Amino acid sequence: MEHNPAAAWFTEAASAAERQGSGDLLRVVLIVMVLGCVLTAWFLLRGYRRKDD
């Protein structure tokens, strides 16, 4: 196994990311957005709960 300097590893990773596209990033953004909407809806709707004691 050969030793690659950090700069060579970084450029190799950057070129691999360009070939792959933004699929992983878009997936993460969508998941975070959906979870944020769910948590916001839960936070807002929990105040409307009535307790008939």
Protein backbone atom coordinates (compact mmCIF):
# COMPACT_ATOMS: atom_id res chain seq x y z
CA MET A 1 0.00 0.00 0.00
CA GLU A 2 1.49 3.29 -1.04
CA HIS A 3 1.44 6.48 0.97
CA ASN A 4 -0.54 9.38 -0.50
CA PRO A 5 0.01 12.90 0.78
CA ALA A 6 -3.01 14.71 2.19
CA ALA A 7 -3.27 17.01 -0.83
CA ALA A 8 -3.41 14.07 -3.24
CA TRP A 9 -6.10 12.37 -1.13
CA PHE A 10 -8.14 15.58 -1.03
CA THR A 11 -8.01 16.09 -4.79
CA GLU A 12 -8.94 12.44 -5.36
CA ALA A 13 -11.93 12.78 -3.03
CA ALA A 14 -13.02 16.01 -4.72
CA SER A 15 -12.89 14.43 -8.18
CA ALA A 16 -14.87 11.43 -6.92
CA ALA A 17 -17.51 13.76 -5.48
CA GLU A 18 -17.82 15.52 -8.84
CA ARG A 19 -18.36 12.21 -10.61
CA GLN A 20 -20.99 11.07 -8.12
CA GLY A 21 -23.08 14.24 -8.17
CA SER A 22 -25.15 15.73 -5.40
CA GLY A 23 -27.35 12.70 -4.69
CA ASP A 24 -26.14 12.08 -1.13
CA LEU A 25 -26.25 15.76 -0.21
CA LEU A 26 -29.76 16.13 -1.59
CA ARG A 27 -30.89 13.04 0.32
CA VAL A 28 -29.52 14.41 3.59
CA VAL A 29 -31.11 17.83 3.00
CA LEU A 30 -34.49 16.27 2.29
CA ILE A 31 -34.36 14.04 5.38
CA VAL A 32 -33.40 16.98 7.62
CA MET A 33 -36.16 19.10 6.09
CA VAL A 34 -38.82 16.44 6.68
CA LEU A 35 -37.67 15.86 10.27
CA GLY A 36 -37.67 19.60 10.88
CA CYS A 37 -41.23 19.91 9.59
CA VAL A 38 -42.39 17.02 11.77
CA LEU A 39 -40.75 18.45 14.88
CA THR A 40 -42.13 21.93 14.18
CA ALA A 41 -45.65 20.56 13.69
CA TRP A 42 -45.37 18.55 16.91
CA PHE A 43 -44.11 21.58 18.85
CA LEU A 44 -46.89 23.84 17.54
CA LEU A 45 -49.72 21.32 17.86
CA ARG A 46 -48.88 20.13 21.36
CA GLY A 47 -50.02 23.48 22.75
CA TYR A 48 -53.55 22.91 21.43
CA ARG A 49 -54.11 19.78 23.48
CA ARG A 50 -57.01 20.17 25.93
CA LYS A 51 -57.07 18.56 29.31
CA ASP A 52 -60.62 18.04 30.54
CA ASP A 53 -59.92 17.35 34.18
